[in-house]
Each structure stands twice: as structure tokens, then as C-alpha cells.
């Protein structure tokens, strides 16, 4: 077992990226996921299409991120974090311009794929950069601080998207994405210093399967990665269903929806703040355990409020605070545990764990949207709640496995 928790100081570069640039590059992809959530229903009318097709702009975005991360991580292990991220930010900007010019829903879906591949470089490699610089428990704390900072963007994104939709229609959010892409690319040129100074000889595409086979032989890697995957999927199930429930069952406008989405973001920020302050002291396993339990409060609240017939935005959005809180506490430590199994392959580990997260997230998001379509169960929360409950139980199983494997390795 190679869960190296020794200091990274012996390979620490003299010039390191600032905390601000790590937050910024990690924010691009989450903002692009969230900013046009309030516009999803309006896009159905704008393109004269169906809910299912519009949902593909979200679910296929997740699929593209999931696939891209498999390759981006090993490439950064071989060639460095900086060049991969710079290339990605340029690609993200091109994809954002393509979204603005899209004449059909099919063209928009294609543009979103380009945007996703570019934007996910910062999200994926931000974790690897932190692991380049810090040992496992400290890395969990730093990931917590980075994700707390980057959560401000996704929290404000639906609000801004809702207001921009009111002034410019569905394209309003994409104007902001173009500006974000240009700004982050320029900032990365000047401030994103290279941190990978022990590049893997077998990195890159040629060593892809060899590196992943090495990672895959560690049970603890899978325990932490799958915990992160199922915990994240609770949130993805929510964003797959909440916009359509809010518009169809509650008659909410895009502006109202954007404001209410701040509940889950606020929980996520607080959870990440807790991670940043205490992960280094209590260790990743305890943080993962606590964070995986909190979503149960949200599911119980949704079941109770729905059963009692509370048809109000607060009944849909306030329980999601605990989903955000649980994700904020659990994910930094789970991801730190995953990327610390083999520190020399931190990029590959971050890519694979991130791919699993986004991959299942895409499936759960699309599944909930399909179940809420007119042909299934429209205007009800029960499909969303059911998928969230399954993901929560699966996360508990993975946390239990992590506890067993950690205990075994310590003996």
C-alpha cells in the first residue's frame, strides 16, 4: 500500500500558484454547469424542442467531462499541469463562443461538449496541484478552502443566469461564460506556475492503462473514489429534477429559481469551510463519515414535506442545504484520500475519480429528468427523491469499505 502522507516539501517548487488562481480555474466548469439552469425551461420554447433534448445540454456536458478527465490526468502527470490547463482554457473559450452562435439545439449540444472538455481541465488538475504541494490530510484541508472559494461562483451563477435570462434570453449566461473564459486564460498565463516536477515516465496516453491498472489495484482508492461518486450524485440528481419541478409544479420564474438555488450553494460553502478548518486535524476518514450522513436529513425533509402537501419553493430548496453541507464536508477528504494512494500519479487519480463522479452524475441527472417528463411522472418530487436515496445508501456502503481498508492498512 502506498498511501504516502509524508511531506511534499522535498519536491516543492520555488514558485507555486496562488490560492486565487486555483479557485478560479476550478470554478470555470461548475459555473458553466449551473449558470443556465434557470433558462432550461425557456430553451425548450426558444429552440422549439423537447425537455429531453434541452436536458442533453446538461447531461452530455457531464459525459464529456467524465471522458475527458480520464485522459487529462495522465497527460498532466507526463507533461505538466500548466500546459494542459492553458490548452483547456483556450478550448473552453472557443466552445463558449460556439454556444452563443448555435442556431439549433443540436449545435448547442455540440458546443457544450467542446466547452466541457476545455473547462474541466482546471477542475480536474486543481486537486492534483494541491496534492503536488501538500500531504494527504493537509491536502484535504486545502481542497476544502479551494472548493469553498470556488463555490461562490456556482452559488451566484444561477442568480446571475436568471437575471441575464430576463434581459437577454437564454444566451445571457453564455455571454458571461465567454468573458469568464478569456479572463481565466489570461490569469493562468501569468499566475499558474508548474507544480509537477516529478513527471511520470510512463505518463501520457502511452502509459494510460498501465497507470490506471496500478491505481486500480488499491482497494482504498476505489473506496474513496466511489464514495465521492455517490455523494456527488445526490447533488446531480437534484439539479436534474429541481429546475423542472420548480417550473412545472411551483410555477417559478428563472429569476426566482436562481435565488432559491443559493440554499444548496450556501450549504456547500459552509461544508467546505468546515473541511478547510478541521480536516488536517481529524483526518479524512472522519470527515467522509460525517459528510455522508448529512444528506439523509435532506431526503427525510423532502419526503415529509411532500407527503404533507407543502407546495412551496422553500419545501423544495431548503432541504437541499444539507445536501450541499454534506458534499462540502465529504468530498474534499474523499478526493484527497483518492489522489494520495499514489502521489506520483495524482493527476491520473484525480482524473479517474473525477470521471467517476461526473459520469454517474450525468446518468442520475438524465434519469431524473426523464422520469419527470410528461410521459412518466410530471410535477412530483418522488422520482428525484428515490434516486437520491439510492445514491445515499451506496455512499454509505463505500464509506464502510474505506473504514475497513484503512483499519487493515494501519495494522
Protein backbone atom coordinates (compact mmCIF):
# COMPACT_ATOMS: atom_id res chain seq x y z
CA UNK A 1 0.00 0.00 0.00
CA UNK A 2 1.34 3.44 -0.91
CA UNK A 3 -0.80 5.93 0.93
CA UNK A 4 2.06 8.35 1.24
CA UNK A 5 1.33 11.01 3.83
CA UNK A 6 4.83 12.38 4.02
CA UNK A 7 5.51 15.99 3.29
CA UNK A 8 5.79 17.10 -0.29
CA UNK A 9 8.42 19.65 0.64
CA UNK A 10 11.24 17.72 -0.96
CA UNK A 11 9.69 18.29 -4.40
CA UNK A 12 8.09 21.63 -3.62
CA UNK A 13 8.71 24.12 -6.45
CA UNK A 14 10.03 27.58 -5.61
CA UNK A 15 7.14 29.30 -7.41
CA UNK A 16 3.69 27.97 -6.62
CA UNK A 17 0.26 29.01 -7.91
CA UNK A 18 -1.70 31.35 -5.67
CA UNK A 19 -4.80 30.16 -3.89
CA UNK A 20 -6.78 32.62 -6.00
CA UNK A 21 -5.78 31.07 -9.33
CA UNK A 22 -6.54 27.57 -8.04
CA UNK A 23 -10.02 28.76 -7.07
CA UNK A 24 -10.55 30.47 -10.42
CA UNK A 25 -9.51 27.57 -12.64
CA UNK A 26 -11.58 25.18 -10.54
CA UNK A 27 -14.63 27.45 -10.81
CA UNK A 28 -14.98 27.57 -14.58
CA UNK A 29 -16.62 24.17 -15.04
CA UNK A 30 -19.05 24.34 -12.06
CA UNK A 31 -20.20 27.83 -13.12
CA UNK A 32 -20.86 26.53 -16.62
CA UNK A 33 -22.91 23.68 -15.19
CA UNK A 34 -25.12 25.96 -13.10
CA UNK A 35 -25.45 29.32 -14.79
CA UNK A 36 -28.16 28.40 -17.28
CA UNK A 37 -30.22 26.13 -15.01
CA UNK A 38 -32.95 28.81 -14.71
CA UNK A 39 -33.10 29.00 -18.54
CA UNK A 40 -33.64 25.29 -19.23
CA UNK A 41 -37.42 25.55 -19.47
CA UNK A 42 -37.20 28.68 -21.65
CA UNK A 43 -34.76 26.96 -24.02
CA UNK A 44 -37.42 24.39 -24.84
CA UNK A 45 -39.53 27.18 -26.38
CA UNK A 46 -36.57 29.08 -27.86
CA UNK A 47 -35.44 26.07 -29.92
CA UNK A 48 -38.94 24.58 -30.41
CA UNK A 49 -37.66 21.33 -28.96
CA UNK A 50 -38.33 18.92 -26.09
CA UNK A 51 -37.34 18.87 -22.43
CA UNK A 52 -35.30 15.72 -23.06
CA UNK A 53 -33.20 17.39 -25.79
CA UNK A 54 -32.57 20.50 -23.71
CA UNK A 55 -31.51 18.30 -20.81
CA UNK A 56 -28.81 16.86 -23.11
CA UNK A 57 -27.01 20.22 -22.93
CA UNK A 58 -26.52 19.37 -19.26
CA UNK A 59 -26.19 15.57 -19.17
CA UNK A 60 -23.86 15.30 -22.20
CA UNK A 61 -21.79 18.11 -20.71
CA UNK A 62 -21.24 15.80 -17.74
CA UNK A 63 -20.44 12.86 -20.03
CA UNK A 64 -17.81 14.90 -21.89
CA UNK A 65 -16.20 15.91 -18.59
CA UNK A 66 -16.21 12.31 -17.41
CA UNK A 67 -14.45 11.04 -20.53
CA UNK A 68 -12.01 13.95 -20.84
CA UNK A 69 -10.74 13.59 -17.27
CA UNK A 70 -9.58 10.04 -17.98
CA UNK A 71 -7.03 11.45 -20.42
CA UNK A 72 -6.29 14.86 -18.91
CA UNK A 73 -4.98 13.48 -15.61
CA UNK A 74 -2.30 11.21 -17.11
CA UNK A 75 -1.33 13.88 -19.63
CA UNK A 76 -0.64 16.28 -16.79
CA UNK A 77 1.40 13.62 -14.97
CA UNK A 78 3.60 13.32 -18.04
CA UNK A 79 3.76 16.86 -19.47
CA UNK A 80 2.87 19.09 -16.52
CA UNK A 81 -0.23 20.75 -15.11
CA UNK A 82 0.30 24.21 -16.66
CA UNK A 83 0.29 23.39 -20.41
CA UNK A 84 -2.77 21.12 -20.11
CA UNK A 85 -4.76 23.77 -18.24
CA UNK A 86 -3.79 26.58 -20.64
CA UNK A 87 -4.86 24.47 -23.60
CA UNK A 88 -8.10 23.65 -21.84
CA UNK A 89 -8.97 27.25 -21.02
CA UNK A 90 -8.46 28.22 -24.65
CA UNK A 91 -10.73 25.39 -25.77
CA UNK A 92 -13.36 26.41 -23.22
CA UNK A 93 -13.45 29.95 -24.61
CA UNK A 94 -13.90 28.67 -28.17
CA UNK A 95 -16.72 26.39 -27.02
CA UNK A 96 -18.46 29.28 -25.24
CA UNK A 97 -18.42 31.37 -28.43
CA UNK A 98 -19.86 28.41 -30.32
CA UNK A 99 -22.70 28.22 -27.77
CA UNK A 100 -23.58 31.87 -28.41
CA UNK A 101 -23.73 31.31 -32.17
CA UNK A 102 -25.61 27.99 -32.06
CA UNK A 103 -28.62 28.12 -34.44
CA UNK A 104 -30.16 24.80 -33.33
CA UNK A 105 -30.35 22.71 -30.19
CA UNK A 106 -28.08 20.13 -31.84
CA UNK A 107 -25.42 22.79 -32.50
CA UNK A 108 -25.71 23.96 -28.90
CA UNK A 109 -25.22 20.42 -27.61
CA UNK A 110 -22.05 20.07 -29.73
CA UNK A 111 -20.73 23.42 -28.50
CA UNK A 112 -21.37 22.38 -24.90
CA UNK A 113 -19.21 19.29 -25.46
CA UNK A 114 -16.30 21.47 -26.60
CA UNK A 115 -16.85 23.78 -23.66
CA UNK A 116 -16.95 20.87 -21.22
CA UNK A 117 -13.67 19.30 -22.35
CA UNK A 118 -11.82 22.59 -22.01
CA UNK A 119 -13.39 23.78 -18.78
CA UNK A 120 -12.84 20.57 -16.86
CA UNK A 121 -9.03 20.86 -17.03
CA UNK A 122 -8.95 23.28 -14.10
CA UNK A 123 -11.49 21.30 -12.10
CA UNK A 124 -9.53 18.07 -12.56
CA UNK A 125 -5.99 19.32 -12.17
CA UNK A 126 -6.63 21.78 -9.35
CA UNK A 127 -6.82 18.78 -7.00
CA UNK A 128 -3.63 17.32 -8.47
CA UNK A 129 -1.80 20.63 -8.00
CA UNK A 130 -2.80 20.70 -4.33
CA UNK A 131 -1.55 17.13 -3.88
CA UNK A 132 1.73 18.13 -5.56
CA UNK A 133 2.22 20.63 -2.75
CA UNK A 134 0.75 19.00 0.38
CA UNK A 135 0.47 15.65 2.19
CA UNK A 136 -2.90 13.88 2.44
CA UNK A 137 -4.64 15.44 5.44
CA UNK A 138 -3.32 18.92 4.64
CA UNK A 139 -4.38 18.42 1.02
CA UNK A 140 -7.94 17.67 2.20
CA UNK A 141 -7.90 20.94 4.14
CA UNK A 142 -6.60 22.92 1.15
CA UNK A 143 -9.12 21.30 -1.20
CA UNK A 144 -11.77 22.40 1.28
CA UNK A 145 -10.59 26.00 1.12
CA UNK A 146 -10.36 25.97 -2.68
CA UNK A 147 -13.80 24.47 -3.12
CA UNK A 148 -15.24 26.88 -0.55
CA UNK A 149 -13.90 29.77 -2.61
CA UNK A 150 -14.94 28.30 -5.92
CA UNK A 151 -18.47 27.57 -4.58
CA UNK A 152 -19.19 31.30 -4.61
CA UNK A 153 -19.22 31.17 -8.41
CA UNK A 154 -21.74 28.32 -8.72
CA UNK A 155 -23.81 29.92 -5.95
CA UNK A 156 -24.06 33.21 -7.81
CA UNK A 157 -24.24 31.62 -11.27
CA UNK A 158 -27.95 30.62 -11.22
CA UNK A 159 -28.81 34.04 -9.77
CA UNK A 160 -26.86 35.84 -12.50
CA UNK A 161 -28.19 33.41 -15.09
CA UNK A 162 -31.75 34.11 -14.03
CA UNK A 163 -31.30 37.89 -14.28
CA UNK A 164 -29.39 37.66 -17.57
CA UNK A 165 -32.18 35.45 -18.93
CA UNK A 166 -34.63 38.19 -18.06
CA UNK A 167 -32.68 40.78 -20.09
CA UNK A 168 -31.14 38.77 -22.94
CA UNK A 169 -32.97 35.45 -23.04
CA UNK A 170 -31.20 32.09 -22.81
CA UNK A 171 -27.99 33.46 -24.40
CA UNK A 172 -27.35 35.81 -21.46
CA UNK A 173 -25.47 33.22 -19.42
CA UNK A 174 -23.27 32.30 -22.36
CA UNK A 175 -22.10 35.90 -22.79
CA UNK A 176 -20.80 35.68 -19.24
CA UNK A 177 -19.10 32.34 -19.98
CA UNK A 178 -17.14 33.90 -22.85
CA UNK A 179 -15.88 36.68 -20.60
CA UNK A 180 -15.01 34.13 -17.90
CA UNK A 181 -13.03 32.00 -20.35
CA UNK A 182 -10.95 34.92 -21.62
CA UNK A 183 -10.28 36.23 -18.12
CA UNK A 184 -9.22 32.88 -16.68
CA UNK A 185 -6.96 32.13 -19.67
CA UNK A 186 -5.10 35.42 -19.23
CA UNK A 187 -4.84 34.95 -15.45
CA UNK A 188 -3.46 31.44 -15.86
CA UNK A 189 -0.74 32.62 -18.25
CA UNK A 190 0.68 34.94 -15.60
CA UNK A 191 -0.02 33.09 -12.34
CA UNK A 192 -0.36 29.34 -12.94
CA UNK A 193 3.18 28.11 -12.22
CA UNK A 194 4.11 24.48 -12.82
CA UNK A 195 3.97 22.18 -9.77
CA UNK A 196 4.57 18.74 -11.26
CA UNK A 197 8.35 18.40 -11.02
CA UNK A 198 8.41 14.62 -10.72
CA UNK A 199 6.76 13.84 -14.04
CA UNK A 200 5.81 10.20 -14.53
CA UNK A 201 7.98 8.49 -17.14
CA UNK A 202 5.06 6.32 -18.12
CA UNK A 203 2.61 9.20 -18.12
CA UNK A 204 0.63 10.46 -21.06
CA UNK A 205 -1.52 8.36 -23.38
CA UNK A 206 1.11 5.62 -23.87
CA UNK A 207 1.14 4.79 -20.18
CA UNK A 208 -2.57 5.41 -19.61
CA UNK A 209 -3.72 1.88 -18.99
CA UNK A 210 -0.59 0.92 -17.07
CA UNK A 211 -1.09 3.78 -14.66
CA UNK A 212 -4.78 3.12 -14.21
CA UNK A 213 -4.10 -0.57 -13.65
CA UNK A 214 -1.69 0.40 -10.88
CA UNK A 215 -4.28 2.69 -9.28
CA UNK A 216 -6.99 0.09 -9.68
CA UNK A 217 -5.07 -2.43 -7.63
CA UNK A 218 -5.60 -0.33 -4.49
CA UNK A 219 -8.90 -1.03 -2.75
CA UNK A 220 -8.66 2.20 -0.76
CA UNK A 221 -8.56 4.22 -3.98
CA UNK A 222 -11.83 2.66 -5.06
CA UNK A 223 -13.44 3.11 -1.65
CA UNK A 224 -12.71 6.84 -1.58
CA UNK A 225 -13.43 7.42 -5.28
CA UNK A 226 -16.78 5.62 -5.18
CA UNK A 227 -17.73 7.48 -2.00
CA UNK A 228 -17.12 10.76 -3.84
CA UNK A 229 -19.02 9.45 -6.87
CA UNK A 230 -22.20 8.50 -5.00
CA UNK A 231 -22.11 11.56 -2.73
CA UNK A 232 -21.85 13.88 -5.74
CA UNK A 233 -24.67 12.05 -7.49
CA UNK A 234 -27.08 13.18 -4.79
CA UNK A 235 -26.49 16.74 -5.98
CA UNK A 236 -26.65 15.81 -9.66
CA UNK A 237 -29.98 14.05 -9.15
CA UNK A 238 -31.23 17.26 -7.59
CA UNK A 239 -30.12 19.55 -10.42
CA UNK A 240 -31.59 17.08 -12.91
CA UNK A 241 -35.02 17.44 -11.35
CA UNK A 242 -35.30 20.68 -9.40
CA UNK A 243 -35.50 23.12 -12.39
CA UNK A 244 -38.39 21.20 -13.94
CA UNK A 245 -40.20 20.66 -10.63
CA UNK A 246 -39.79 24.34 -9.80
CA UNK A 247 -41.12 25.48 -13.19
CA UNK A 248 -43.83 22.84 -13.66
CA UNK A 249 -45.18 22.19 -10.17
CA UNK A 250 -44.44 25.54 -8.49
CA UNK A 251 -44.64 27.91 -11.46
CA UNK A 252 -41.36 29.63 -10.57
CA UNK A 253 -39.69 32.12 -12.91
CA UNK A 254 -35.99 31.83 -13.85
CA UNK A 255 -35.13 34.75 -11.53
CA UNK A 256 -36.89 33.15 -8.56
CA UNK A 257 -35.28 29.80 -9.28
CA UNK A 258 -31.82 31.34 -9.40
CA UNK A 259 -32.26 32.90 -5.97
CA UNK A 260 -33.52 29.70 -4.36
CA UNK A 261 -30.60 27.70 -5.75
CA UNK A 262 -28.45 29.64 -3.29
CA UNK A 263 -29.59 27.34 -0.47
CA UNK A 264 -27.62 24.36 -1.73
CA UNK A 265 -24.62 26.55 -2.59
CA UNK A 266 -24.64 28.08 0.89
CA UNK A 267 -24.57 24.61 2.44
CA UNK A 268 -21.68 23.65 0.19
CA UNK A 269 -19.67 26.75 1.14
CA UNK A 270 -20.20 26.13 4.85
CA UNK A 271 -19.26 22.46 4.47
CA UNK A 272 -16.07 23.35 2.63
CA UNK A 273 -15.23 25.94 5.26
CA UNK A 274 -15.54 23.25 7.93
CA UNK A 275 -13.32 20.95 5.85
CA UNK A 276 -10.70 23.65 5.47
CA UNK A 277 -10.52 24.28 9.21
CA UNK A 278 -10.65 20.77 10.67
CA UNK A 279 -9.67 18.15 8.04
CA UNK A 280 -5.97 18.49 8.80
CA UNK A 281 -6.64 17.72 12.48
CA UNK A 282 -9.28 15.00 12.43
CA UNK A 283 -8.25 13.17 9.24
CA UNK A 284 -10.03 12.34 6.02
CA UNK A 285 -11.96 9.28 7.19
CA UNK A 286 -13.92 11.03 9.94
CA UNK A 287 -14.77 13.90 7.60
CA UNK A 288 -16.02 11.49 4.95
CA UNK A 289 -18.15 9.67 7.50
CA UNK A 290 -19.85 12.83 8.81
CA UNK A 291 -20.39 14.28 5.34
CA UNK A 292 -22.01 11.12 4.00
CA UNK A 293 -24.63 11.07 6.78
CA UNK A 294 -25.93 14.65 6.44
CA UNK A 295 -27.84 14.15 3.13
CA UNK A 296 -30.21 11.84 4.98
CA UNK A 297 -31.66 14.96 6.63
CA UNK A 298 -32.49 16.44 3.24
CA UNK A 299 -34.17 13.29 1.97
CA UNK A 300 -36.24 12.86 5.14
CA UNK A 301 -37.31 16.51 4.95
CA UNK A 302 -38.31 16.21 1.28
CA UNK A 303 -40.33 13.06 1.96
CA UNK A 304 -42.13 14.62 4.93
CA UNK A 305 -42.89 17.95 3.27
CA UNK A 306 -44.07 16.34 0.05
CA UNK A 307 -46.19 13.79 1.89
CA UNK A 308 -47.84 16.60 3.84
CA UNK A 309 -48.51 18.53 0.64
CA UNK A 310 -46.29 21.58 1.18
CA UNK A 311 -46.18 23.01 -2.35
CA UNK A 312 -43.84 25.93 -1.72
CA UNK A 313 -40.34 26.75 -3.08
CA UNK A 314 -38.89 26.54 0.44
CA UNK A 315 -40.12 22.94 0.73
CA UNK A 316 -38.08 22.06 -2.38
CA UNK A 317 -34.95 24.14 -1.85
CA UNK A 318 -34.31 24.45 1.91
CA UNK A 319 -33.70 20.68 2.42
CA UNK A 320 -31.02 20.90 -0.25
CA UNK A 321 -28.92 22.94 2.16
CA UNK A 322 -28.00 19.64 3.84
CA UNK A 323 -27.05 18.07 0.50
CA UNK A 324 -24.64 20.94 -0.05
CA UNK A 325 -23.35 20.75 3.53
CA UNK A 326 -22.71 17.02 3.28
CA UNK A 327 -20.96 17.36 -0.08
CA UNK A 328 -18.80 20.19 1.25
CA UNK A 329 -17.65 18.13 4.24
CA UNK A 330 -17.27 14.77 2.49
CA UNK A 331 -15.86 15.49 -0.97
CA UNK A 332 -12.57 17.30 -0.17
CA UNK A 333 -11.49 14.46 2.12
CA UNK A 334 -12.73 11.66 -0.15
CA UNK A 335 -10.91 13.17 -3.14
CA UNK A 336 -7.76 13.77 -1.09
CA UNK A 337 -7.85 10.14 0.01
CA UNK A 338 -8.18 9.02 -3.61
CA UNK A 339 -5.32 11.14 -5.02
CA UNK A 340 -3.00 10.23 -2.13
CA UNK A 341 -2.89 6.49 -2.81
CA UNK A 342 -0.06 7.01 -5.33
CA UNK A 343 1.15 10.64 -5.15
CA UNK A 344 3.26 10.26 -8.30
CA UNK A 345 0.02 9.54 -10.19
CA UNK A 346 -2.03 12.30 -8.58
CA UNK A 347 -3.20 13.56 -11.96
CA UNK A 348 -4.40 10.15 -13.09
CA UNK A 349 -6.09 9.55 -9.73
CA UNK A 350 -7.80 12.94 -9.87
CA UNK A 351 -8.89 12.31 -13.45
CA UNK A 352 -10.33 8.86 -12.78
CA UNK A 353 -12.07 9.82 -9.55
CA UNK A 354 -13.45 12.94 -11.21
CA UNK A 355 -14.59 10.91 -14.21
CA UNK A 356 -16.50 8.54 -11.94
CA UNK A 357 -18.13 11.49 -10.17
CA UNK A 358 -19.28 13.25 -13.30
CA UNK A 359 -20.11 10.02 -15.14
CA UNK A 360 -22.64 8.80 -12.63
CA UNK A 361 -23.77 12.39 -12.14
CA UNK A 362 -24.69 12.60 -15.83
CA UNK A 363 -26.64 9.37 -15.60
CA UNK A 364 -28.54 10.33 -12.46
CA UNK A 365 -29.30 13.81 -13.77
CA UNK A 366 -30.61 12.47 -17.07
CA UNK A 367 -32.54 9.68 -15.33
CA UNK A 368 -34.38 12.09 -13.05
CA UNK A 369 -35.18 14.44 -15.95
CA UNK A 370 -36.53 11.52 -17.98
CA UNK A 371 -38.64 10.26 -15.09
CA UNK A 372 -40.10 13.76 -14.68
CA UNK A 373 -41.01 14.05 -18.36
CA UNK A 374 -44.65 14.23 -19.44
CA UNK A 375 -44.74 10.53 -20.26
CA UNK A 376 -43.63 9.44 -16.81
CA UNK A 377 -44.31 11.28 -13.53
CA UNK A 378 -44.55 15.04 -14.15
CA UNK A 379 -44.86 17.64 -11.39
CA UNK A 380 -43.77 15.43 -8.49
CA UNK A 381 -40.62 15.13 -6.37
CA UNK A 382 -40.77 11.36 -5.86
CA UNK A 383 -38.51 10.24 -8.77
CA UNK A 384 -35.83 12.69 -7.65
CA UNK A 385 -36.11 11.59 -4.02
CA UNK A 386 -35.92 7.90 -4.96
CA UNK A 387 -32.72 8.32 -7.00
CA UNK A 388 -31.15 10.44 -4.26
CA UNK A 389 -31.95 7.79 -1.62
CA UNK A 390 -30.31 5.02 -3.67
CA UNK A 391 -27.14 7.11 -4.13
CA UNK A 392 -27.02 7.89 -0.40
CA UNK A 393 -27.18 4.22 0.63
CA UNK A 394 -24.50 3.31 -1.92
CA UNK A 395 -22.26 6.06 -0.49
CA UNK A 396 -22.68 4.59 3.00
CA UNK A 397 -21.54 1.18 1.74
CA UNK A 398 -18.40 2.73 0.23
CA UNK A 399 -17.62 4.65 3.43
CA UNK A 400 -17.89 1.40 5.36
CA UNK A 401 -15.43 -0.21 2.95
CA UNK A 402 -13.00 2.71 3.40
CA UNK A 403 -13.14 2.24 7.17
CA UNK A 404 -12.31 -1.46 6.80
CA UNK A 405 -9.43 -0.85 4.38
CA UNK A 406 -7.94 1.98 6.48
CA UNK A 407 -8.04 -0.25 9.56
CA UNK A 408 -6.42 -3.12 7.65
CA UNK A 409 -3.60 -0.92 6.31
CA UNK A 410 -2.86 0.51 9.74
CA UNK A 411 -2.30 -2.96 11.24
